Amino acid sequence: MRTRTYTRAAFAAATALTLALTTAACASDDPAQTSVAADQTSGAEAAGVVTLDDGWVKATDTDMSGVFGTLRNPGDVDLHLTGVSSGLGGRTELHETVPGGSGMMMQEKEDGFVIPAGGELILEPGGDHIMLMDLDQPITTGQQIALTLQFAGGAREGGTEQEVTVSARDFRGGEEEYVGGDHGGMDHGGMDHGGMNHDG
């Protein structure tokens, strides 16, 4: 009698275990759930998350300034920075350093920058940087400026955005020159952007 009771209990336990394993297997094979998980992973990868180390902007009372710092991409996919916007008004451009007739010169990087997976993009005076132009208000020392970084891909290929904050600081550097076309009626070639200096 005891043996029969034990056998029935063991059979019930085995049945319950089999049912649980079958349910788990069915859940993992569910195409809908697999699709959702894949979409979530893809979205996370596409959005990427960069970190901005030592981000700062030059304090100025002119209508132009520059943003610097190190953008790091800790993810496992490359990120394509295509633009930046701010609440300061005016225009924002991505600029690069190129050889010019009288040395290194600055020009707009129209196709943006690629931040490699596990890599970084250094924005620095005299090098690649973000340019704030046609500002309608001054930038004062210590002021916190919110910027929205715009990346290609993700969000169903409509692009993704990430907000970062930089602090304004005093900075004085050497003269700079710009090459390229006419930006809003201003020729950048050979001008110092109203005192905005990038070279250390």
N, C-alpha and C. Protein backbone atom coordinates (compact mmCIF):
# COMPACT_ATOMS: atom_id res chain seq x y z
N MET A 1 0.84 -1.21 0.00
CA MET A 1 0.00 0.00 0.00
C MET A 1 0.86 1.24 0.00
N ARG A 2 1.87 1.21 0.84
CA ARG A 2 2.78 2.35 0.87
C ARG A 2 3.53 2.49 -0.45
N THR A 3 3.86 1.33 -1.03
CA THR A 3 4.58 1.35 -2.30
C THR A 3 3.73 1.98 -3.38
N ARG A 4 2.43 1.64 -3.43
CA ARG A 4 1.54 2.20 -4.43
C ARG A 4 1.39 3.70 -4.26
N THR A 5 1.27 4.18 -3.01
CA THR A 5 1.15 5.61 -2.74
C THR A 5 2.40 6.36 -3.21
N TYR A 6 3.55 5.80 -2.94
CA TYR A 6 4.81 6.40 -3.34
C TYR A 6 4.90 6.47 -4.86
N THR A 7 4.48 5.38 -5.51
CA THR A 7 4.56 5.32 -6.96
C THR A 7 3.67 6.38 -7.60
N ARG A 8 2.44 6.53 -7.07
CA ARG A 8 1.53 7.54 -7.60
C ARG A 8 2.10 8.95 -7.40
N ALA A 9 2.70 9.20 -6.25
CA ALA A 9 3.28 10.52 -5.97
C ALA A 9 4.44 10.81 -6.92
N ALA A 10 5.25 9.78 -7.14
CA ALA A 10 6.39 9.95 -8.04
C ALA A 10 5.91 10.20 -9.46
N PHE A 11 4.85 9.47 -9.86
CA PHE A 11 4.31 9.65 -11.21
C PHE A 11 3.75 11.07 -11.38
N ALA A 12 3.06 11.57 -10.36
CA ALA A 12 2.49 12.93 -10.41
C ALA A 12 3.60 13.97 -10.51
N ALA A 13 4.65 13.78 -9.76
CA ALA A 13 5.77 14.73 -9.78
C ALA A 13 6.44 14.74 -11.15
N ALA A 14 6.63 13.55 -11.71
CA ALA A 14 7.27 13.45 -13.02
C ALA A 14 6.41 14.11 -14.10
N THR A 15 5.10 13.91 -13.99
CA THR A 15 4.18 14.51 -14.95
C THR A 15 4.23 16.03 -14.88
N ALA A 16 4.24 16.56 -13.65
CA ALA A 16 4.30 18.01 -13.47
C ALA A 16 5.60 18.57 -14.04
N LEU A 17 6.71 17.86 -13.82
CA LEU A 17 8.00 18.31 -14.33
C LEU A 17 8.01 18.30 -15.85
N THR A 18 7.48 17.26 -16.44
CA THR A 18 7.41 17.17 -17.90
C THR A 18 6.58 18.30 -18.49
N LEU A 19 5.43 18.58 -17.84
CA LEU A 19 4.56 19.67 -18.31
C LEU A 19 5.27 21.01 -18.24
N ALA A 20 6.02 21.25 -17.15
CA ALA A 20 6.74 22.51 -16.98
C ALA A 20 7.81 22.67 -18.04
N LEU A 21 8.55 21.58 -18.32
CA LEU A 21 9.60 21.65 -19.33
C LEU A 21 9.02 21.86 -20.72
N THR A 22 7.89 21.21 -20.99
CA THR A 22 7.23 21.37 -22.30
C THR A 22 6.76 22.80 -22.49
N THR A 23 6.18 23.39 -21.42
CA THR A 23 5.69 24.77 -21.49
C THR A 23 6.84 25.74 -21.73
N ALA A 24 7.95 25.52 -21.03
CA ALA A 24 9.12 26.39 -21.20
C ALA A 24 9.66 26.29 -22.62
N ALA A 25 9.69 25.06 -23.15
CA ALA A 25 10.20 24.87 -24.50
C ALA A 25 9.30 25.55 -25.52
N CYS A 26 7.99 25.44 -25.31
CA CYS A 26 7.05 26.09 -26.22
C CYS A 26 7.19 27.60 -26.17
N ALA A 27 7.41 28.13 -24.95
CA ALA A 27 7.54 29.58 -24.81
C ALA A 27 8.77 30.09 -25.53
N SER A 28 9.88 29.35 -25.44
CA SER A 28 11.11 29.80 -26.08
C SER A 28 11.03 29.69 -27.59
N ASP A 29 10.13 28.75 -28.07
CA ASP A 29 10.00 28.58 -29.51
C ASP A 29 8.91 29.46 -30.10
N ASP A 30 8.23 30.24 -29.26
CA ASP A 30 7.14 31.10 -29.73
C ASP A 30 7.70 32.19 -30.64
N PRO A 31 7.36 32.20 -31.94
CA PRO A 31 7.91 33.20 -32.87
C PRO A 31 7.63 34.62 -32.44
N ALA A 32 6.44 34.85 -31.88
CA ALA A 32 6.08 36.21 -31.48
C ALA A 32 7.00 36.72 -30.38
N GLN A 33 7.21 35.86 -29.36
CA GLN A 33 8.07 36.27 -28.25
C GLN A 33 9.51 36.44 -28.71
N THR A 34 9.95 35.52 -29.60
CA THR A 34 11.31 35.62 -30.13
C THR A 34 11.49 36.93 -30.90
N SER A 35 10.46 37.29 -31.67
CA SER A 35 10.51 38.52 -32.46
C SER A 35 10.59 39.75 -31.56
N VAL A 36 9.79 39.75 -30.48
CA VAL A 36 9.82 40.88 -29.55
C VAL A 36 11.18 41.03 -28.92
N ALA A 37 11.76 39.90 -28.49
CA ALA A 37 13.08 39.94 -27.86
C ALA A 37 14.12 40.46 -28.84
N ALA A 38 14.03 39.99 -30.11
CA ALA A 38 14.98 40.44 -31.12
C ALA A 38 14.83 41.93 -31.38
N ASP A 39 13.58 42.41 -31.44
CA ASP A 39 13.35 43.83 -31.68
C ASP A 39 13.91 44.67 -30.55
N GLN A 40 13.75 44.20 -29.31
CA GLN A 40 14.26 44.95 -28.16
C GLN A 40 15.78 45.03 -28.21
N THR A 41 16.42 43.89 -28.54
CA THR A 41 17.88 43.88 -28.63
C THR A 41 18.35 44.78 -29.76
N SER A 42 17.68 44.68 -30.92
CA SER A 42 18.06 45.50 -32.06
C SER A 42 17.89 46.97 -31.74
N GLY A 43 16.79 47.32 -31.06
CA GLY A 43 16.55 48.71 -30.72
C GLY A 43 17.61 49.25 -29.78
N ALA A 44 18.01 48.44 -28.81
CA ALA A 44 19.03 48.87 -27.85
C ALA A 44 20.35 49.10 -28.57
N GLU A 45 20.67 48.18 -29.51
CA GLU A 45 21.93 48.33 -30.24
C GLU A 45 21.89 49.54 -31.15
N ALA A 46 20.73 49.74 -31.82
CA ALA A 46 20.63 50.85 -32.77
C ALA A 46 20.71 52.18 -32.05
N ALA A 47 20.02 52.25 -30.90
CA ALA A 47 20.01 53.52 -30.17
C ALA A 47 21.40 53.81 -29.64
N GLY A 48 22.08 52.76 -29.17
CA GLY A 48 23.39 52.97 -28.60
C GLY A 48 23.30 53.94 -27.43
N VAL A 49 24.25 54.01 -26.62
CA VAL A 49 24.29 55.01 -25.57
C VAL A 49 25.73 55.48 -25.47
N VAL A 50 25.97 56.74 -25.78
CA VAL A 50 27.31 57.29 -25.67
C VAL A 50 27.45 57.99 -24.33
N THR A 51 28.65 58.14 -23.90
CA THR A 51 28.93 58.96 -22.72
C THR A 51 29.82 60.11 -23.16
N LEU A 52 29.60 61.26 -22.57
CA LEU A 52 30.41 62.44 -22.89
C LEU A 52 31.27 62.76 -21.68
N ASP A 53 32.57 62.58 -21.83
CA ASP A 53 33.51 62.86 -20.74
C ASP A 53 34.08 64.26 -20.90
N ASP A 54 34.11 65.01 -19.80
CA ASP A 54 34.67 66.36 -19.77
C ASP A 54 34.08 67.23 -20.88
N GLY A 55 32.77 67.18 -21.03
CA GLY A 55 32.12 67.99 -22.06
C GLY A 55 32.06 69.46 -21.64
N TRP A 56 32.45 70.35 -22.54
CA TRP A 56 32.41 71.77 -22.22
C TRP A 56 32.21 72.61 -23.47
N VAL A 57 31.75 73.84 -23.27
CA VAL A 57 31.53 74.78 -24.35
C VAL A 57 32.24 76.08 -23.99
N LYS A 58 32.75 76.78 -24.98
CA LYS A 58 33.46 78.04 -24.72
C LYS A 58 32.48 79.15 -24.37
N ALA A 59 32.70 79.77 -23.22
CA ALA A 59 31.90 80.94 -22.85
C ALA A 59 32.22 82.08 -23.81
N THR A 60 31.21 82.78 -24.27
CA THR A 60 31.43 83.83 -25.25
C THR A 60 30.28 84.83 -25.25
N ASP A 61 30.58 86.06 -25.66
CA ASP A 61 29.52 87.04 -25.86
C ASP A 61 29.35 87.33 -27.35
N THR A 62 29.98 86.49 -28.19
CA THR A 62 29.82 86.62 -29.64
C THR A 62 28.71 85.66 -30.10
N ASP A 63 28.53 85.55 -31.39
CA ASP A 63 27.47 84.68 -31.89
C ASP A 63 27.97 83.30 -32.30
N MET A 64 29.21 82.94 -31.87
CA MET A 64 29.77 81.65 -32.21
C MET A 64 30.52 81.04 -31.04
N SER A 65 30.48 79.73 -30.94
CA SER A 65 31.22 79.04 -29.89
C SER A 65 31.46 77.60 -30.33
N GLY A 66 32.27 76.89 -29.56
CA GLY A 66 32.59 75.50 -29.88
C GLY A 66 32.34 74.60 -28.69
N VAL A 67 32.00 73.35 -28.97
CA VAL A 67 31.75 72.33 -27.94
C VAL A 67 32.81 71.25 -28.06
N PHE A 68 33.35 70.85 -26.90
CA PHE A 68 34.44 69.89 -26.88
C PHE A 68 34.20 68.81 -25.83
N GLY A 69 35.01 67.78 -25.85
CA GLY A 69 34.89 66.67 -24.90
C GLY A 69 35.19 65.37 -25.62
N THR A 70 34.98 64.25 -24.94
CA THR A 70 35.22 62.93 -25.54
C THR A 70 33.94 62.11 -25.51
N LEU A 71 33.45 61.78 -26.69
CA LEU A 71 32.27 60.93 -26.81
C LEU A 71 32.73 59.48 -26.89
N ARG A 72 32.29 58.67 -25.94
CA ARG A 72 32.68 57.26 -25.91
C ARG A 72 31.49 56.37 -26.25
N ASN A 73 31.76 55.34 -27.04
CA ASN A 73 30.74 54.38 -27.45
C ASN A 73 31.05 53.03 -26.82
N PRO A 74 30.40 52.70 -25.71
CA PRO A 74 30.69 51.43 -25.04
C PRO A 74 29.99 50.24 -25.67
N GLY A 75 29.15 50.49 -26.67
CA GLY A 75 28.39 49.41 -27.29
C GLY A 75 29.20 48.58 -28.26
N ASP A 76 28.52 47.59 -28.87
CA ASP A 76 29.22 46.70 -29.80
C ASP A 76 28.85 46.97 -31.26
N VAL A 77 28.24 48.14 -31.52
CA VAL A 77 27.97 48.56 -32.89
C VAL A 77 28.45 49.99 -33.08
N ASP A 78 28.90 50.32 -34.29
CA ASP A 78 29.33 51.68 -34.58
C ASP A 78 28.13 52.62 -34.51
N LEU A 79 28.37 53.86 -34.10
CA LEU A 79 27.33 54.87 -34.05
C LEU A 79 27.71 56.01 -34.99
N HIS A 80 26.75 56.49 -35.77
CA HIS A 80 27.00 57.55 -36.75
C HIS A 80 26.36 58.84 -36.26
N LEU A 81 27.19 59.75 -35.75
CA LEU A 81 26.71 61.05 -35.29
C LEU A 81 26.50 61.94 -36.52
N THR A 82 25.25 62.31 -36.77
CA THR A 82 24.94 63.08 -37.98
C THR A 82 24.64 64.54 -37.72
N GLY A 83 24.38 64.91 -36.47
CA GLY A 83 24.05 66.30 -36.17
C GLY A 83 23.87 66.53 -34.69
N VAL A 84 23.74 67.80 -34.34
CA VAL A 84 23.54 68.21 -32.95
C VAL A 84 22.60 69.41 -32.96
N SER A 85 21.76 69.51 -31.97
CA SER A 85 20.91 70.70 -31.82
C SER A 85 21.00 71.19 -30.39
N SER A 86 20.67 72.46 -30.19
CA SER A 86 20.69 73.05 -28.85
C SER A 86 19.52 74.01 -28.73
N GLY A 87 19.27 74.44 -27.50
CA GLY A 87 18.19 75.39 -27.27
C GLY A 87 18.67 76.83 -27.27
N LEU A 88 19.87 77.06 -27.81
CA LEU A 88 20.45 78.41 -27.79
C LEU A 88 20.07 79.21 -29.03
N GLY A 89 19.38 78.60 -29.96
CA GLY A 89 19.07 79.30 -31.21
C GLY A 89 20.22 79.18 -32.18
N GLY A 90 20.04 79.72 -33.36
CA GLY A 90 21.09 79.68 -34.37
C GLY A 90 21.23 78.31 -34.99
N ARG A 91 22.44 78.02 -35.48
CA ARG A 91 22.72 76.77 -36.17
C ARG A 91 23.83 76.01 -35.46
N THR A 92 23.83 74.70 -35.67
CA THR A 92 24.86 73.84 -35.10
C THR A 92 25.44 72.97 -36.20
N GLU A 93 26.77 72.91 -36.27
CA GLU A 93 27.44 72.12 -37.29
C GLU A 93 28.52 71.25 -36.66
N LEU A 94 28.80 70.13 -37.32
CA LEU A 94 29.93 69.28 -36.95
C LEU A 94 31.11 69.71 -37.82
N HIS A 95 32.25 70.00 -37.19
CA HIS A 95 33.42 70.49 -37.93
C HIS A 95 34.60 69.56 -37.77
N GLU A 96 35.42 69.52 -38.81
CA GLU A 96 36.64 68.73 -38.81
C GLU A 96 37.84 69.60 -39.16
N THR A 97 39.02 69.08 -38.92
CA THR A 97 40.26 69.78 -39.24
C THR A 97 40.84 69.19 -40.52
N VAL A 98 41.19 70.04 -41.46
CA VAL A 98 41.75 69.59 -42.74
C VAL A 98 42.95 70.45 -43.11
N PRO A 99 43.87 69.93 -43.92
CA PRO A 99 45.00 70.74 -44.35
C PRO A 99 44.52 71.89 -45.23
N GLY A 100 45.10 73.08 -45.02
CA GLY A 100 44.74 74.24 -45.81
C GLY A 100 45.98 74.91 -46.38
N GLY A 101 45.78 75.98 -47.13
CA GLY A 101 46.89 76.66 -47.76
C GLY A 101 47.88 77.23 -46.77
N SER A 102 47.41 77.63 -45.59
CA SER A 102 48.32 78.22 -44.60
C SER A 102 48.37 77.37 -43.33
N GLY A 103 48.14 76.07 -43.49
CA GLY A 103 48.18 75.19 -42.32
C GLY A 103 46.87 74.44 -42.17
N MET A 104 46.57 73.99 -40.96
CA MET A 104 45.34 73.27 -40.71
C MET A 104 44.16 74.23 -40.65
N MET A 105 43.05 73.83 -41.27
CA MET A 105 41.87 74.67 -41.32
C MET A 105 40.64 73.86 -40.90
N MET A 106 39.57 74.57 -40.57
CA MET A 106 38.33 73.94 -40.14
C MET A 106 37.28 74.02 -41.24
N GLN A 107 36.47 72.95 -41.35
CA GLN A 107 35.36 72.99 -42.28
C GLN A 107 34.25 72.07 -41.77
N GLU A 108 33.05 72.27 -42.28
CA GLU A 108 31.93 71.45 -41.85
C GLU A 108 32.11 70.01 -42.29
N LYS A 109 31.82 69.09 -41.40
CA LYS A 109 31.86 67.66 -41.70
C LYS A 109 30.43 67.25 -42.03
N GLU A 110 30.06 67.39 -43.28
CA GLU A 110 28.67 67.25 -43.69
C GLU A 110 28.12 65.84 -43.50
N ASP A 111 28.97 64.82 -43.59
CA ASP A 111 28.48 63.45 -43.42
C ASP A 111 28.62 62.97 -41.97
N GLY A 112 29.00 63.85 -41.08
CA GLY A 112 29.06 63.52 -39.66
C GLY A 112 30.27 62.67 -39.28
N PHE A 113 30.23 62.16 -38.06
CA PHE A 113 31.34 61.36 -37.53
C PHE A 113 30.84 59.97 -37.14
N VAL A 114 31.68 58.97 -37.35
CA VAL A 114 31.38 57.61 -36.89
C VAL A 114 32.16 57.36 -35.61
N ILE A 115 31.44 56.98 -34.56
CA ILE A 115 32.09 56.61 -33.30
C ILE A 115 32.14 55.09 -33.28
N PRO A 116 33.32 54.50 -33.41
CA PRO A 116 33.41 53.03 -33.53
C PRO A 116 32.96 52.32 -32.26
N ALA A 117 32.50 51.10 -32.44
CA ALA A 117 32.10 50.28 -31.29
C ALA A 117 33.29 50.14 -30.34
N GLY A 118 33.04 50.43 -29.08
CA GLY A 118 34.11 50.34 -28.09
C GLY A 118 35.13 51.44 -28.22
N GLY A 119 34.87 52.43 -29.08
CA GLY A 119 35.84 53.50 -29.32
C GLY A 119 35.35 54.86 -28.85
N GLU A 120 35.99 55.90 -29.37
CA GLU A 120 35.68 57.25 -28.91
C GLU A 120 35.87 58.26 -30.04
N LEU A 121 35.24 59.40 -29.86
CA LEU A 121 35.42 60.54 -30.75
C LEU A 121 35.86 61.71 -29.89
N ILE A 122 37.07 62.20 -30.15
CA ILE A 122 37.62 63.30 -29.36
C ILE A 122 37.28 64.62 -30.04
N LEU A 123 36.60 65.48 -29.31
CA LEU A 123 36.28 66.82 -29.77
C LEU A 123 37.18 67.77 -29.00
N GLU A 124 38.03 68.51 -29.70
CA GLU A 124 39.02 69.32 -29.00
C GLU A 124 39.35 70.59 -29.78
N PRO A 125 39.83 71.62 -29.08
CA PRO A 125 40.29 72.84 -29.77
C PRO A 125 41.40 72.48 -30.75
N GLY A 126 41.26 72.96 -31.98
CA GLY A 126 42.24 72.64 -32.99
C GLY A 126 41.98 71.33 -33.70
N GLY A 127 40.90 70.65 -33.33
CA GLY A 127 40.58 69.36 -33.96
C GLY A 127 39.09 69.29 -34.28
N ASP A 128 38.56 68.09 -34.33
CA ASP A 128 37.14 67.92 -34.56
C ASP A 128 36.35 68.55 -33.42
N HIS A 129 35.19 69.12 -33.72
CA HIS A 129 34.41 69.77 -32.68
C HIS A 129 32.99 70.03 -33.17
N ILE A 130 32.15 70.48 -32.27
CA ILE A 130 30.78 70.89 -32.59
C ILE A 130 30.78 72.41 -32.58
N MET A 131 30.25 73.03 -33.63
CA MET A 131 30.24 74.48 -33.74
C MET A 131 28.84 75.02 -33.54
N LEU A 132 28.69 75.97 -32.61
CA LEU A 132 27.43 76.67 -32.40
C LEU A 132 27.54 78.02 -33.11
N MET A 133 26.61 78.32 -34.00
CA MET A 133 26.72 79.51 -34.83
C MET A 133 25.42 80.31 -34.82
N ASP A 134 25.56 81.61 -35.11
CA ASP A 134 24.41 82.52 -35.15
C ASP A 134 23.64 82.51 -33.83
N LEU A 135 24.38 82.46 -32.72
CA LEU A 135 23.74 82.45 -31.40
C LEU A 135 23.02 83.77 -31.16
N ASP A 136 21.85 83.70 -30.53
CA ASP A 136 21.11 84.92 -30.25
C ASP A 136 21.19 85.31 -28.77
N GLN A 137 22.12 84.67 -28.05
CA GLN A 137 22.33 85.00 -26.64
C GLN A 137 23.76 84.60 -26.25
N PRO A 138 24.35 85.30 -25.28
CA PRO A 138 25.71 84.96 -24.86
C PRO A 138 25.74 83.66 -24.07
N ILE A 139 26.93 83.09 -23.96
CA ILE A 139 27.14 81.91 -23.13
C ILE A 139 28.08 82.33 -22.00
N THR A 140 27.63 82.21 -20.79
CA THR A 140 28.41 82.68 -19.64
C THR A 140 29.10 81.53 -18.91
N THR A 141 30.22 81.84 -18.29
CA THR A 141 31.00 80.83 -17.56
C THR A 141 30.14 80.13 -16.51
N GLY A 142 30.20 78.81 -16.52
CA GLY A 142 29.43 78.02 -15.56
C GLY A 142 28.03 77.65 -16.04
N GLN A 143 27.59 78.24 -17.12
CA GLN A 143 26.26 77.95 -17.65
C GLN A 143 26.19 76.50 -18.13
N GLN A 144 25.08 75.84 -17.85
CA GLN A 144 24.86 74.47 -18.29
C GLN A 144 24.05 74.50 -19.59
N ILE A 145 24.59 73.87 -20.62
CA ILE A 145 23.97 73.88 -21.94
C ILE A 145 23.55 72.46 -22.31
N ALA A 146 22.27 72.28 -22.64
CA ALA A 146 21.77 70.98 -23.07
C ALA A 146 21.90 70.86 -24.58
N LEU A 147 22.46 69.77 -25.02
CA LEU A 147 22.62 69.48 -26.45
C LEU A 147 21.93 68.16 -26.77
N THR A 148 21.37 68.07 -27.95
CA THR A 148 20.75 66.82 -28.40
C THR A 148 21.58 66.24 -29.53
N LEU A 149 22.18 65.08 -29.27
CA LEU A 149 22.99 64.41 -30.29
C LEU A 149 22.07 63.59 -31.18
N GLN A 150 22.29 63.67 -32.47
CA GLN A 150 21.43 62.98 -33.44
C GLN A 150 22.24 61.90 -34.14
N PHE A 151 21.71 60.66 -34.09
CA PHE A 151 22.39 59.52 -34.69
C PHE A 151 21.55 58.91 -35.80
N ALA A 152 22.22 58.39 -36.81
CA ALA A 152 21.53 57.70 -37.90
C ALA A 152 21.15 56.30 -37.43
N GLY A 153 20.07 55.75 -38.02
CA GLY A 153 19.64 54.40 -37.70
C GLY A 153 18.85 54.34 -36.40
N GLY A 154 18.28 53.17 -36.15
CA GLY A 154 17.47 53.00 -34.95
C GLY A 154 16.11 53.66 -35.11
N ALA A 155 15.25 53.45 -34.12
CA ALA A 155 13.90 54.02 -34.12
C ALA A 155 13.25 53.83 -35.50
N ARG A 156 13.32 52.56 -35.97
CA ARG A 156 12.77 52.21 -37.29
C ARG A 156 13.39 53.08 -38.39
N GLU A 157 14.68 53.26 -38.28
CA GLU A 157 15.49 53.97 -39.27
C GLU A 157 15.19 55.46 -39.36
N GLY A 158 14.44 55.97 -38.41
CA GLY A 158 14.18 57.41 -38.40
C GLY A 158 15.27 58.16 -37.66
N GLY A 159 16.20 57.41 -37.08
CA GLY A 159 17.28 58.04 -36.32
C GLY A 159 16.96 58.06 -34.84
N THR A 160 17.97 58.20 -34.03
CA THR A 160 17.80 58.28 -32.59
C THR A 160 18.49 59.52 -32.06
N GLU A 161 18.10 59.93 -30.87
CA GLU A 161 18.66 61.12 -30.26
C GLU A 161 19.06 60.83 -28.81
N GLN A 162 20.03 61.58 -28.34
CA GLN A 162 20.44 61.49 -26.94
C GLN A 162 20.82 62.86 -26.44
N GLU A 163 20.33 63.21 -25.27
CA GLU A 163 20.64 64.52 -24.71
C GLU A 163 21.85 64.45 -23.78
N VAL A 164 22.73 65.42 -23.91
CA VAL A 164 23.89 65.53 -23.03
C VAL A 164 23.97 66.98 -22.55
N THR A 165 24.69 67.20 -21.48
CA THR A 165 24.84 68.55 -20.94
C THR A 165 26.31 68.91 -20.83
N VAL A 166 26.65 70.12 -21.26
CA VAL A 166 28.03 70.60 -21.16
C VAL A 166 28.05 71.88 -20.34
N SER A 167 29.19 72.15 -19.73
CA SER A 167 29.35 73.34 -18.90
C SER A 167 30.22 74.37 -19.62
N ALA A 168 29.85 75.64 -19.53
CA ALA A 168 30.62 76.69 -20.20
C ALA A 168 31.83 77.07 -19.38
N ARG A 169 32.97 77.26 -20.06
CA ARG A 169 34.19 77.68 -19.38
C ARG A 169 34.93 78.69 -20.25
N ASP A 170 35.76 79.49 -19.60
CA ASP A 170 36.59 80.46 -20.33
C ASP A 170 37.67 79.71 -21.09
N PHE A 171 37.97 80.20 -22.30
CA PHE A 171 39.02 79.58 -23.09
C PHE A 171 39.57 80.61 -24.07
N ARG A 172 40.89 80.66 -24.17
CA ARG A 172 41.54 81.55 -25.12
C ARG A 172 42.58 80.75 -25.90
N GLY A 173 42.50 80.82 -27.22
CA GLY A 173 43.44 80.07 -28.05
C GLY A 173 43.94 80.92 -29.18
N GLY A 174 44.53 80.26 -30.17
CA GLY A 174 45.09 80.98 -31.31
C GLY A 174 44.06 81.23 -32.38
N GLU A 175 44.51 81.84 -33.45
CA GLU A 175 43.62 82.13 -34.58
C GLU A 175 43.30 80.85 -35.34
N GLU A 176 42.21 80.85 -36.06
CA GLU A 176 41.86 79.70 -36.87
C GLU A 176 41.35 80.18 -38.22
N GLU A 177 41.34 79.26 -39.18
CA GLU A 177 40.81 79.57 -40.50
C GLU A 177 39.79 78.52 -40.87
N TYR A 178 38.84 78.93 -41.69
CA TYR A 178 37.81 78.01 -42.16
C TYR A 178 37.83 77.96 -43.67
N VAL A 179 37.54 76.78 -44.20
CA VAL A 179 37.43 76.62 -45.64
C VAL A 179 36.03 76.15 -45.95
N GLY A 180 35.63 76.27 -47.19
CA GLY A 180 34.30 75.80 -47.56
C GLY A 180 33.47 76.93 -48.11
N GLY A 181 32.18 76.63 -48.27
CA GLY A 181 31.27 77.57 -48.90
C GLY A 181 30.78 78.64 -47.95
N ASP A 182 29.81 79.39 -48.45
CA ASP A 182 29.21 80.49 -47.71
C ASP A 182 28.15 79.94 -46.77
N HIS A 183 28.28 80.15 -45.48
CA HIS A 183 27.31 79.68 -44.49
C HIS A 183 26.49 80.86 -44.02
N GLY A 184 25.29 80.94 -44.51
CA GLY A 184 24.40 82.00 -44.05
C GLY A 184 24.93 83.38 -44.35
N GLY A 185 25.61 83.54 -45.47
CA GLY A 185 26.10 84.86 -45.85
C GLY A 185 27.46 85.19 -45.27
N MET A 186 28.06 84.26 -44.49
CA MET A 186 29.37 84.52 -43.90
C MET A 186 30.39 83.59 -44.54
N ASP A 187 31.44 84.15 -45.06
CA ASP A 187 32.51 83.34 -45.63
C ASP A 187 33.45 82.96 -44.49
N HIS A 188 33.60 81.64 -44.25
CA HIS A 188 34.44 81.18 -43.14
C HIS A 188 35.92 81.21 -43.46
N GLY A 189 36.26 81.32 -44.73
CA GLY A 189 37.67 81.26 -45.08
C GLY A 189 38.45 82.41 -44.47
N GLY A 190 39.42 82.07 -43.63
CA GLY A 190 40.33 83.07 -43.09
C GLY A 190 39.75 83.93 -42.00
N MET A 191 38.61 83.55 -41.39
CA MET A 191 38.08 84.37 -40.31
C MET A 191 38.15 83.62 -39.00
N ASP A 192 38.12 84.33 -37.90
CA ASP A 192 38.30 83.68 -36.61
C ASP A 192 36.99 83.49 -35.87
N HIS A 193 35.87 83.55 -36.57
CA HIS A 193 34.57 83.34 -35.97
C HIS A 193 34.31 84.31 -34.82
N GLY A 194 34.64 85.56 -35.02
CA GLY A 194 34.32 86.56 -34.02
C GLY A 194 35.00 86.32 -32.69
N GLY A 195 36.22 85.83 -32.74
CA GLY A 195 36.95 85.61 -31.49
C GLY A 195 36.87 84.19 -30.99
N MET A 196 36.15 83.30 -31.69
CA MET A 196 36.09 81.91 -31.29
C MET A 196 37.35 81.23 -31.73
N ASN A 197 38.21 80.89 -30.79
CA ASN A 197 39.50 80.30 -31.11
C ASN A 197 39.51 78.84 -30.73
N HIS A 198 40.07 78.00 -31.58
CA HIS A 198 40.13 76.58 -31.30
C HIS A 198 41.54 76.09 -31.07
N ASP A 199 42.50 76.74 -31.64
CA ASP A 199 43.87 76.26 -31.49
C ASP A 199 44.43 76.67 -30.16
N GLY A 200 45.09 75.73 -29.48
CA GLY A 200 45.63 76.02 -28.16
C GLY A 200 46.89 76.83 -28.20
